[in-house]
Structure formats: C-alpha cells, structure tokens
Amino acid sequence: MAITDITPQDIENAADNHNAAEQDLDGQRKGLDETVNTLYAANNGELMDKLNTLQDQWSVDMRGVLDLLVDCEEYLRYCKSELERLNQDQGGALV
C-alpha cells in the first residue's frame, strides 16, 4: 500500500483502533490495580493474622511465665519455712 493509497477512512479506522487499544490497556491497568490491591489486602490480612497469633502465643507464654513465678514464690516460701523449722530443730544454730 503506497502512501497515496491511504484514505481518510483508513486514518479514521487507525485512530479508532488506537483509541480502542488505549481503552483496552486502561481497562487492563485498572484490573491489575484491583488485583494488586486485593492481593495487598489479602497479604496484609494474612500478616495481621500471623501477628495476632504471635501476640496470642506471647500472652500464653507470659501467663506460663507468671504461673512459673508464682510456683517459684510458693516453693521459696516452703523452703524458708523448712529452713526456719530446721533452725528451730537445731536450736537456732543454722542461721
């Protein structure tokens, strides 16, 4: 096709095809943006779930530590009372 064979209709068709391609690309870009936003939100949700799980686990661990401290405190009281009893049995010679 020579340049002289190009008609105004050919130019109009090319312009229409160009506009349609731009609209298609714009639609695809919007679709990709929505997909990225959806994935981002899902990923953030997953990260938040993991963070909440870690937070819950930390709370459970801290409760376990507190329980252990209470047990230690009770055992130390028992040890103190036993030492006091032994000290009395020895006539005060231990401490």
PDB file of N, CA and C in Angstrom:
ATOM      1  N   MET A   1       0.855  -1.159   0.000  1.00  0.00           N
ATOM      2  CA  MET A   1       0.000   0.000   0.000  1.00  0.00           C
ATOM      3  C   MET A   1       0.909   1.231   0.000  1.00  0.00           C
ATOM      4  N   ALA A   2       0.743   2.038  -0.950  1.00  0.00           N
ATOM      5  CA  ALA A   2       1.508   3.282  -1.054  1.00  0.00           C
ATOM      6  C   ALA A   2       0.830   4.356  -0.224  1.00  0.00           C
ATOM      7  N   ILE A   3       1.594   5.345   0.141  1.00  0.00           N
ATOM      8  CA  ILE A   3       1.056   6.425   0.960  1.00  0.00           C
ATOM      9  C   ILE A   3      -0.097   7.144   0.256  1.00  0.00           C
ATOM     10  N   THR A   4      -0.067   7.132  -1.023  1.00  0.00           N
ATOM     11  CA  THR A   4      -1.155   7.789  -1.766  1.00  0.00           C
ATOM     12  C   THR A   4      -2.429   6.964  -1.737  1.00  0.00           C
ATOM     13  N   ASP A   5      -2.302   5.682  -1.362  1.00  0.00           N
ATOM     14  CA  ASP A   5      -3.472   4.813  -1.299  1.00  0.00           C
ATOM     15  C   ASP A   5      -4.228   4.947   0.025  1.00  0.00           C
ATOM     16  N   ILE A   6      -3.657   5.672   1.008  1.00  0.00           N
ATOM     17  CA  ILE A   6      -4.299   5.832   2.319  1.00  0.00           C
ATOM     18  C   ILE A   6      -5.422   6.840   2.195  1.00  0.00           C
ATOM     19  N   THR A   7      -6.584   6.409   2.627  1.00  0.00           N
ATOM     20  CA  THR A   7      -7.765   7.270   2.523  1.00  0.00           C
ATOM     21  C   THR A   7      -8.080   7.882   3.886  1.00  0.00           C
ATOM     22  N   PRO A   8      -8.870   8.921   3.932  1.00  0.00           N
ATOM     23  CA  PRO A   8      -9.304   9.482   5.213  1.00  0.00           C
ATOM     24  C   PRO A   8      -9.989   8.417   6.088  1.00  0.00           C
ATOM     25  N   GLN A   9     -10.689   7.490   5.467  1.00  0.00           N
ATOM     26  CA  GLN A   9     -11.342   6.411   6.227  1.00  0.00           C
ATOM     27  C   GLN A   9     -10.295   5.520   6.882  1.00  0.00           C
ATOM     28  N   ASP A  10      -9.170   5.241   6.185  1.00  0.00           N
ATOM     29  CA  ASP A  10      -8.078   4.444   6.757  1.00  0.00           C
ATOM     30  C   ASP A  10      -7.508   5.136   8.004  1.00  0.00           C
ATOM     31  N   ILE A  11      -7.347   6.446   7.921  1.00  0.00           N
ATOM     32  CA  ILE A  11      -6.817   7.218   9.051  1.00  0.00           C
ATOM     33  C   ILE A  11      -7.813   7.180  10.212  1.00  0.00           C
ATOM     34  N   GLU A  12      -9.090   7.338   9.888  1.00  0.00           N
ATOM     35  CA  GLU A  12     -10.119   7.292  10.933  1.00  0.00           C
ATOM     36  C   GLU A  12     -10.174   5.919  11.584  1.00  0.00           C
ATOM     37  N   ASN A  13     -10.068   4.867  10.771  1.00  0.00           N
ATOM     38  CA  ASN A  13     -10.056   3.499  11.315  1.00  0.00           C
ATOM     39  C   ASN A  13      -8.845   3.272  12.218  1.00  0.00           C
ATOM     40  N   ALA A  14      -7.690   3.774  11.778  1.00  0.00           N
ATOM     41  CA  ALA A  14      -6.472   3.630  12.583  1.00  0.00           C
ATOM     42  C   ALA A  14      -6.627   4.368  13.916  1.00  0.00           C
ATOM     43  N   ALA A  15      -7.217   5.574  13.848  1.00  0.00           N
ATOM     44  CA  ALA A  15      -7.447   6.347  15.077  1.00  0.00           C
ATOM     45  C   ALA A  15      -8.417   5.613  15.994  1.00  0.00           C
ATOM     46  N   ASP A  16      -9.472   5.040  15.438  1.00  0.00           N
ATOM     47  CA  ASP A  16     -10.434   4.273  16.243  1.00  0.00           C
ATOM     48  C   ASP A  16      -9.768   3.064  16.878  1.00  0.00           C
ATOM     49  N   ASN A  17      -8.931   2.359  16.081  1.00  0.00           N
ATOM     50  CA  ASN A  17      -8.217   1.191  16.612  1.00  0.00           C
ATOM     51  C   ASN A  17      -7.268   1.605  17.738  1.00  0.00           C
ATOM     52  N   HIS A  18      -6.610   2.761  17.540  1.00  0.00           N
ATOM     53  CA  HIS A  18      -5.695   3.266  18.562  1.00  0.00           C
ATOM     54  C   HIS A  18      -6.463   3.592  19.851  1.00  0.00           C
ATOM     55  N   ASN A  19      -7.582   4.269  19.725  1.00  0.00           N
ATOM     56  CA  ASN A  19      -8.404   4.617  20.893  1.00  0.00           C
ATOM     57  C   ASN A  19      -8.932   3.371  21.592  1.00  0.00           C
ATOM     58  N   ALA A  20      -9.351   2.387  20.801  1.00  0.00           N
ATOM     59  CA  ALA A  20      -9.851   1.136  21.392  1.00  0.00           C
ATOM     60  C   ALA A  20      -8.733   0.420  22.139  1.00  0.00           C
ATOM     61  N   ALA A  21      -7.530   0.439  21.562  1.00  0.00           N
ATOM     62  CA  ALA A  21      -6.386  -0.206  22.224  1.00  0.00           C
ATOM     63  C   ALA A  21      -6.047   0.516  23.526  1.00  0.00           C
ATOM     64  N   GLU A  22      -6.094   1.856  23.521  1.00  0.00           N
ATOM     65  CA  GLU A  22      -5.842   2.620  24.746  1.00  0.00           C
ATOM     66  C   GLU A  22      -6.870   2.299  25.821  1.00  0.00           C
ATOM     67  N   GLN A  23      -8.136   2.220  25.421  1.00  0.00           N
ATOM     68  CA  GLN A  23      -9.190   1.892  26.387  1.00  0.00           C
ATOM     69  C   GLN A  23      -8.999   0.491  26.937  1.00  0.00           C
ATOM     70  N   ASP A  24      -8.610  -0.437  26.059  1.00  0.00           N
ATOM     71  CA  ASP A  24      -8.360  -1.810  26.499  1.00  0.00           C
ATOM     72  C   ASP A  24      -7.206  -1.849  27.494  1.00  0.00           C
ATOM     73  N   LEU A  25      -6.110  -1.134  27.177  1.00  0.00           N
ATOM     74  CA  LEU A  25      -4.964  -1.082  28.086  1.00  0.00           C
ATOM     75  C   LEU A  25      -5.337  -0.416  29.406  1.00  0.00           C
ATOM     76  N   ASP A  26      -6.152   0.627  29.331  1.00  0.00           N
ATOM     77  CA  ASP A  26      -6.600   1.306  30.546  1.00  0.00           C
ATOM     78  C   ASP A  26      -7.432   0.355  31.410  1.00  0.00           C
ATOM     79  N   GLY A  27      -8.306  -0.399  30.763  1.00  0.00           N
ATOM     80  CA  GLY A  27      -9.108  -1.390  31.493  1.00  0.00           C
ATOM     81  C   GLY A  27      -8.234  -2.467  32.117  1.00  0.00           C
ATOM     82  N   GLN A  28      -7.226  -2.909  31.367  1.00  0.00           N
ATOM     83  CA  GLN A  28      -6.319  -3.925  31.915  1.00  0.00           C
ATOM     84  C   GLN A  28      -5.531  -3.370  33.092  1.00  0.00           C
ATOM     85  N   ARG A  29      -5.086  -2.088  32.970  1.00  0.00           N
ATOM     86  CA  ARG A  29      -4.343  -1.463  34.063  1.00  0.00           C
ATOM     87  C   ARG A  29      -5.216  -1.378  35.316  1.00  0.00           C
ATOM     88  N   LYS A  30      -6.476  -0.969  35.123  1.00  0.00           N
ATOM     89  CA  LYS A  30      -7.393  -0.882  36.266  1.00  0.00           C
ATOM     90  C   LYS A  30      -7.611  -2.261  36.875  1.00  0.00           C
ATOM     91  N   GLY A  31      -7.734  -3.261  36.014  1.00  0.00           N
ATOM     92  CA  GLY A  31      -7.889  -4.630  36.511  1.00  0.00           C
ATOM     93  C   GLY A  31      -6.671  -5.085  37.295  1.00  0.00           C
ATOM     94  N   LEU A  32      -5.480  -4.738  36.791  1.00  0.00           N
ATOM     95  CA  LEU A  32      -4.251  -5.091  37.515  1.00  0.00           C
ATOM     96  C   LEU A  32      -4.164  -4.341  38.833  1.00  0.00           C
ATOM     97  N   ASP A  33      -4.556  -3.066  38.813  1.00  0.00           N
ATOM     98  CA  ASP A  33      -4.560  -2.292  40.058  1.00  0.00           C
ATOM     99  C   ASP A  33      -5.472  -2.938  41.092  1.00  0.00           C
ATOM    100  N   GLU A  34      -6.651  -3.353  40.655  1.00  0.00           N
ATOM    101  CA  GLU A  34      -7.592  -4.010  41.570  1.00  0.00           C
ATOM    102  C   GLU A  34      -7.005  -5.322  42.086  1.00  0.00           C
ATOM    103  N   THR A  35      -6.362  -6.069  41.195  1.00  0.00           N
ATOM    104  CA  THR A  35      -5.744  -7.339  41.603  1.00  0.00           C
ATOM    105  C   THR A  35      -4.641  -7.096  42.624  1.00  0.00           C
ATOM    106  N   VAL A  36      -3.793  -6.102  42.344  1.00  0.00           N
ATOM    107  CA  VAL A  36      -2.706  -5.770  43.274  1.00  0.00           C
ATOM    108  C   VAL A  36      -3.280  -5.344  44.618  1.00  0.00           C
ATOM    109  N   ASN A  37      -4.314  -4.503  44.603  1.00  0.00           N
ATOM    110  CA  ASN A  37      -4.937  -4.052  45.855  1.00  0.00           C
ATOM    111  C   ASN A  37      -5.547  -5.218  46.617  1.00  0.00           C
ATOM    112  N   THR A  38      -6.177  -6.138  45.880  1.00  0.00           N
ATOM    113  CA  THR A  38      -6.768  -7.315  46.516  1.00  0.00           C
ATOM    114  C   THR A  38      -5.687  -8.181  47.145  1.00  0.00           C
ATOM    115  N   LEU A  39      -4.608  -8.408  46.385  1.00  0.00           N
ATOM    116  CA  LEU A  39      -3.507  -9.219  46.915  1.00  0.00           C
ATOM    117  C   LEU A  39      -2.849  -8.536  48.104  1.00  0.00           C
ATOM    118  N   TYR A  40      -2.679  -7.221  48.005  1.00  0.00           N
ATOM    119  CA  TYR A  40      -2.081  -6.463  49.098  1.00  0.00           C
ATOM    120  C   TYR A  40      -2.938  -6.575  50.358  1.00  0.00           C
ATOM    121  N   ALA A  41      -4.246  -6.410  50.181  1.00  0.00           N
ATOM    122  CA  ALA A  41      -5.159  -6.515  51.326  1.00  0.00           C
ATOM    123  C   ALA A  41      -5.132  -7.928  51.905  1.00  0.00           C
ATOM    124  N   ALA A  42      -5.127  -8.928  51.018  1.00  0.00           N
ATOM    125  CA  ALA A  42      -5.089 -10.317  51.493  1.00  0.00           C
ATOM    126  C   ALA A  42      -3.781 -10.585  52.221  1.00  0.00           C
ATOM    127  N   ASN A  43      -2.677 -10.078  51.674  1.00  0.00           N
ATOM    128  CA  ASN A  43      -1.378 -10.276  52.302  1.00  0.00           C
ATOM    129  C   ASN A  43      -1.330  -9.582  53.651  1.00  0.00           C
ATOM    130  N   ASN A  44      -1.861  -8.343  53.714  1.00  0.00           N
ATOM    131  CA  ASN A  44      -1.915  -7.638  54.990  1.00  0.00           C
ATOM    132  C   ASN A  44      -2.784  -8.394  55.983  1.00  0.00           C
ATOM    133  N   GLY A  45      -3.908  -8.931  55.499  1.00  0.00           N
ATOM    134  CA  GLY A  45      -4.771  -9.714  56.383  1.00  0.00           C
ATOM    135  C   GLY A  45      -4.049 -10.930  56.917  1.00  0.00           C
ATOM    136  N   GLU A  46      -3.293 -11.595  56.048  1.00  0.00           N
ATOM    137  CA  GLU A  46      -2.528 -12.771  56.469  1.00  0.00           C
ATOM    138  C   GLU A  46      -1.459 -12.370  57.475  1.00  0.00           C
ATOM    139  N   LEU A  47      -0.789 -11.244  57.209  1.00  0.00           N
ATOM    140  CA  LEU A  47       0.230 -10.773  58.148  1.00  0.00           C
ATOM    141  C   LEU A  47      -0.394 -10.393  59.494  1.00  0.00           C
ATOM    142  N   MET A  48      -1.562  -9.763  59.437  1.00  0.00           N
ATOM    143  CA  MET A  48      -2.237  -9.411  60.683  1.00  0.00           C
ATOM    144  C   MET A  48      -2.651 -10.661  61.453  1.00  0.00           C
ATOM    145  N   ASP A  49      -3.110 -11.685  60.742  1.00  0.00           N
ATOM    146  CA  ASP A  49      -3.460 -12.942  61.395  1.00  0.00           C
ATOM    147  C   ASP A  49      -2.235 -13.542  62.069  1.00  0.00           C
ATOM    148  N   LYS A  50      -1.100 -13.522  61.381  1.00  0.00           N
ATOM    149  CA  LYS A  50       0.137 -14.058  61.962  1.00  0.00           C
ATOM    150  C   LYS A  50       0.561 -13.235  63.169  1.00  0.00           C
ATOM    151  N   LEU A  51       0.449 -11.908  63.048  1.00  0.00           N
ATOM    152  CA  LEU A  51       0.797 -11.046  64.172  1.00  0.00           C
ATOM    153  C   LEU A  51      -0.106 -11.319  65.370  1.00  0.00           C
ATOM    154  N   ASN A  52      -1.398 -11.458  65.118  1.00  0.00           N
ATOM    155  CA  ASN A  52      -2.329 -11.768  66.209  1.00  0.00           C
ATOM    156  C   ASN A  52      -2.019 -13.116  66.832  1.00  0.00           C
ATOM    157  N   THR A  53      -1.653 -14.090  66.002  1.00  0.00           N
ATOM    158  CA  THR A  53      -1.287 -15.403  66.521  1.00  0.00           C
ATOM    159  C   THR A  53      -0.050 -15.297  67.405  1.00  0.00           C
ATOM    160  N   LEU A  54       0.953 -14.544  66.944  1.00  0.00           N
ATOM    161  CA  LEU A  54       2.164 -14.355  67.752  1.00  0.00           C
ATOM    162  C   LEU A  54       1.853 -13.626  69.054  1.00  0.00           C
ATOM    163  N   GLN A  55       0.976 -12.636  68.951  1.00  0.00           N
ATOM    164  CA  GLN A  55       0.578 -11.887  70.146  1.00  0.00           C
ATOM    165  C   GLN A  55      -0.140 -12.807  71.133  1.00  0.00           C
ATOM    166  N   ASP A  56      -1.037 -13.643  70.621  1.00  0.00           N
ATOM    167  CA  ASP A  56      -1.738 -14.596  71.484  1.00  0.00           C
ATOM    168  C   ASP A  56      -0.751 -15.574  72.114  1.00  0.00           C
ATOM    169  N   GLN A  57       0.191 -16.062  71.299  1.00  0.00           N
ATOM    170  CA  GLN A  57       1.188 -17.007  71.816  1.00  0.00           C
ATOM    171  C   GLN A  57       2.045 -16.348  72.889  1.00  0.00           C
ATOM    172  N   TRP A  58       2.412 -15.084  72.647  1.00  0.00           N
ATOM    173  CA  TRP A  58       3.205 -14.360  73.636  1.00  0.00           C
ATOM    174  C   TRP A  58       2.419 -14.233  74.935  1.00  0.00           C
ATOM    175  N   SER A  59       1.122 -13.942  74.829  1.00  0.00           N
ATOM    176  CA  SER A  59       0.287 -13.820  76.021  1.00  0.00           C
ATOM    177  C   SER A  59       0.234 -15.142  76.782  1.00  0.00           C
ATOM    178  N   VAL A  60       0.094 -16.241  76.025  1.00  0.00           N
ATOM    179  CA  VAL A  60       0.079 -17.566  76.657  1.00  0.00           C
ATOM    180  C   VAL A  60       1.418 -17.832  77.331  1.00  0.00           C
ATOM    181  N   ASP A  61       2.517 -17.510  76.624  1.00  0.00           N
ATOM    182  CA  ASP A  61       3.856 -17.712  77.191  1.00  0.00           C
ATOM    183  C   ASP A  61       4.050 -16.880  78.445  1.00  0.00           C
ATOM    184  N   MET A  62       3.571 -15.618  78.418  1.00  0.00           N
ATOM    185  CA  MET A  62       3.724 -14.754  79.580  1.00  0.00           C
ATOM    186  C   MET A  62       2.892 -15.272  80.751  1.00  0.00           C
ATOM    187  N   ARG A  63       1.693 -15.798  80.438  1.00  0.00           N
ATOM    188  CA  ARG A  63       0.889 -16.383  81.511  1.00  0.00           C
ATOM    189  C   ARG A  63       1.629 -17.583  82.108  1.00  0.00           C
ATOM    190  N   GLY A  64       2.272 -18.355  81.246  1.00  0.00           N
ATOM    191  CA  GLY A  64       3.051 -19.502  81.725  1.00  0.00           C
ATOM    192  C   GLY A  64       4.210 -19.057  82.601  1.00  0.00           C
ATOM    193  N   VAL A  65       4.869 -17.974  82.202  1.00  0.00           N
ATOM    194  CA  VAL A  65       5.981 -17.441  82.994  1.00  0.00           C
ATOM    195  C   VAL A  65       5.459 -16.953  84.348  1.00  0.00           C
ATOM    196  N   LEU A  66       4.335 -16.253  84.324  1.00  0.00           N
ATOM    197  CA  LEU A  66       3.765 -15.765  85.585  1.00  0.00           C
ATOM    198  C   LEU A  66       3.374 -16.931  86.489  1.00  0.00           C
ATOM    199  N   ASP A  67       2.783 -17.962  85.905  1.00  0.00           N
ATOM    200  CA  ASP A  67       2.435 -19.150  86.697  1.00  0.00           C
ATOM    201  C   ASP A  67       3.689 -19.779  87.298  1.00  0.00           C
ATOM    202  N   LEU A  68       4.751 -19.831  86.490  1.00  0.00           N
ATOM    203  CA  LEU A  68       6.016 -20.397  86.968  1.00  0.00           C
ATOM    204  C   LEU A  68       6.585 -19.551  88.101  1.00  0.00           C
ATOM    205  N   LEU A  69       6.488 -18.221  87.988  1.00  0.00           N
ATOM    206  CA  LEU A  69       6.967 -17.341  89.051  1.00  0.00           C
ATOM    207  C   LEU A  69       6.170 -17.544  90.336  1.00  0.00           C
ATOM    208  N   VAL A  70       4.866 -17.720  90.193  1.00  0.00           N
ATOM    209  CA  VAL A  70       4.034 -17.980  91.373  1.00  0.00           C
ATOM    210  C   VAL A  70       4.454 -19.302  92.017  1.00  0.00           C
ATOM    211  N   ASP A  71       4.681 -20.320  91.186  1.00  0.00           N
ATOM    212  CA  ASP A  71       5.135 -21.611  91.714  1.00  0.00           C
ATOM    213  C   ASP A  71       6.477 -21.466  92.421  1.00  0.00           C
ATOM    214  N   CYS A  72       7.382 -20.672  91.846  1.00  0.00           N
ATOM    215  CA  CYS A  72       8.693 -20.451  92.469  1.00  0.00           C
ATOM    216  C   CYS A  72       8.553 -19.729  93.803  1.00  0.00           C
ATOM    217  N   GLU A  73       7.672 -18.735  93.816  1.00  0.00           N
ATOM    218  CA  GLU A  73       7.437 -17.996  95.048  1.00  0.00           C
ATOM    219  C   GLU A  73       6.903 -18.931  96.141  1.00  0.00           C
ATOM    220  N   GLU A  74       5.957 -19.781  95.782  1.00  0.00           N
ATOM    221  CA  GLU A  74       5.412 -20.741  96.751  1.00  0.00           C
ATOM    222  C   GLU A  74       6.501 -21.700  97.226  1.00  0.00           C
ATOM    223  N   TYR A  75       7.355 -22.171  96.298  1.00  0.00           N
ATOM    224  CA  TYR A  75       8.423 -23.095  96.670  1.00  0.00           C
ATOM    225  C   TYR A  75       9.427 -22.395  97.578  1.00  0.00           C
ATOM    226  N   LEU A  76       9.734 -21.116  97.291  1.00  0.00           N
ATOM    227  CA  LEU A  76      10.667 -20.373  98.147  1.00  0.00           C
ATOM    228  C   LEU A  76      10.082 -20.181  99.554  1.00  0.00           C
ATOM    229  N   ARG A  77       8.784 -19.936  99.627  1.00  0.00           N
ATOM    230  CA  ARG A  77       8.139 -19.832 100.948  1.00  0.00           C
ATOM    231  C   ARG A  77       8.250 -21.162 101.696  1.00  0.00           C
ATOM    232  N   TYR A  78       8.031 -22.249 100.972  1.00  0.00           N
ATOM    233  CA  TYR A  78       8.158 -23.587 101.577  1.00  0.00           C
ATOM    234  C   TYR A  78       9.597 -23.790 102.067  1.00  0.00           C
ATOM    235  N   CYS A  79      10.578 -23.441 101.210  1.00  0.00           N
ATOM    236  CA  CYS A  79      11.980 -23.604 101.597  1.00  0.00           C
ATOM    237  C   CYS A  79      12.309 -22.760 102.824  1.00  0.00           C
ATOM    238  N   LYS A  80      11.800 -21.548 102.866  1.00  0.00           N
ATOM    239  CA  LYS A  80      12.046 -20.670 104.009  1.00  0.00           C
ATOM    240  C   LYS A  80      11.458 -21.272 105.284  1.00  0.00           C
ATOM    241  N   SER A  81      10.228 -21.772 105.147  1.00  0.00           N
ATOM    242  CA  SER A  81       9.608 -22.359 106.343  1.00  0.00           C
ATOM    243  C   SER A  81      10.379 -23.612 106.793  1.00  0.00           C
ATOM    244  N   GLU A  82      10.862 -24.399 105.840  1.00  0.00           N
ATOM    245  CA  GLU A  82      11.651 -25.593 106.197  1.00  0.00           C
ATOM    246  C   GLU A  82      12.964 -25.194 106.859  1.00  0.00           C
ATOM    247  N   LEU A  83      13.602 -24.138 106.337  1.00  0.00           N
ATOM    248  CA  LEU A  83      14.848 -23.669 106.963  1.00  0.00           C
ATOM    249  C   LEU A  83      14.594 -23.169 108.379  1.00  0.00           C
ATOM    250  N   GLU A  84      13.492 -22.448 108.537  1.00  0.00           N
ATOM    251  CA  GLU A  84      13.150 -21.962 109.875  1.00  0.00           C
ATOM    252  C   GLU A  84      12.880 -23.129 110.817  1.00  0.00           C
ATOM    253  N   ARG A  85      12.184 -24.147 110.296  1.00  0.00           N
ATOM    254  CA  ARG A  85      11.892 -25.324 111.123  1.00  0.00           C
ATOM    255  C   ARG A  85      13.187 -26.047 111.490  1.00  0.00           C
ATOM    256  N   LEU A  86      14.074 -26.227 110.496  1.00  0.00           N
ATOM    257  CA  LEU A  86      15.353 -26.873 110.771  1.00  0.00           C
ATOM    258  C   LEU A  86      16.195 -26.051 111.756  1.00  0.00           C
ATOM    259  N   ASN A  87      16.128 -24.751 111.612  1.00  0.00           N
ATOM    260  CA  ASN A  87      16.868 -23.893 112.503  1.00  0.00           C
ATOM    261  C   ASN A  87      16.373 -24.039 113.947  1.00  0.00           C
ATOM    262  N   GLN A  88      15.040 -24.130 114.078  1.00  0.00           N
ATOM    263  CA  GLN A  88      14.484 -24.340 115.427  1.00  0.00           C
ATOM    264  C   GLN A  88      14.876 -25.708 115.952  1.00  0.00           C
ATOM    265  N   ASP A  89      14.833 -26.722 115.060  1.00  0.00           N
ATOM    266  CA  ASP A  89      15.220 -28.073 115.493  1.00  0.00           C
ATOM    267  C   ASP A  89      16.671 -28.138 115.942  1.00  0.00           C
ATOM    268  N   GLN A  90      17.499 -27.306 115.337  1.00  0.00           N
ATOM    269  CA  GLN A  90      18.933 -27.304 115.693  1.00  0.00           C
ATOM    270  C   GLN A  90      19.236 -26.314 116.817  1.00  0.00           C
ATOM    271  N   GLY A  91      18.231 -25.747 117.359  1.00  0.00           N
ATOM    272  CA  GLY A  91      18.406 -24.814 118.472  1.00  0.00           C
ATOM    273  C   GLY A  91      18.903 -23.453 118.007  1.00  0.00           C
ATOM    274  N   GLY A  92      18.584 -23.099 116.783  1.00  0.00           N
ATOM    275  CA  GLY A  92      18.977 -21.764 116.293  1.00  0.00           C
ATOM    276  C   GLY A  92      20.382 -21.708 115.756  1.00  0.00           C
ATOM    277  N   ALA A  93      21.018 -22.847 115.560  1.00  0.00           N
ATOM    278  CA  ALA A  93      22.424 -22.858 115.153  1.00  0.00           C
ATOM    279  C   ALA A  93      22.610 -22.682 113.633  1.00  0.00           C
ATOM    280  N   LEU A  94      21.571 -22.836 112.843  1.00  0.00           N
ATOM    281  CA  LEU A  94      21.755 -22.763 111.378  1.00  0.00           C
ATOM    282  C   LEU A  94      21.892 -21.332 110.864  1.00  0.00           C
ATOM    283  N   VAL A  95      21.037 -20.429 111.328  1.00  0.00           N
ATOM    284  CA  VAL A  95      21.094 -19.058 110.795  1.00  0.00           C
ATOM    285  C   VAL A  95      21.062 -18.074 111.924  1.00  0.00           C
TER     286      VAL A  95
END
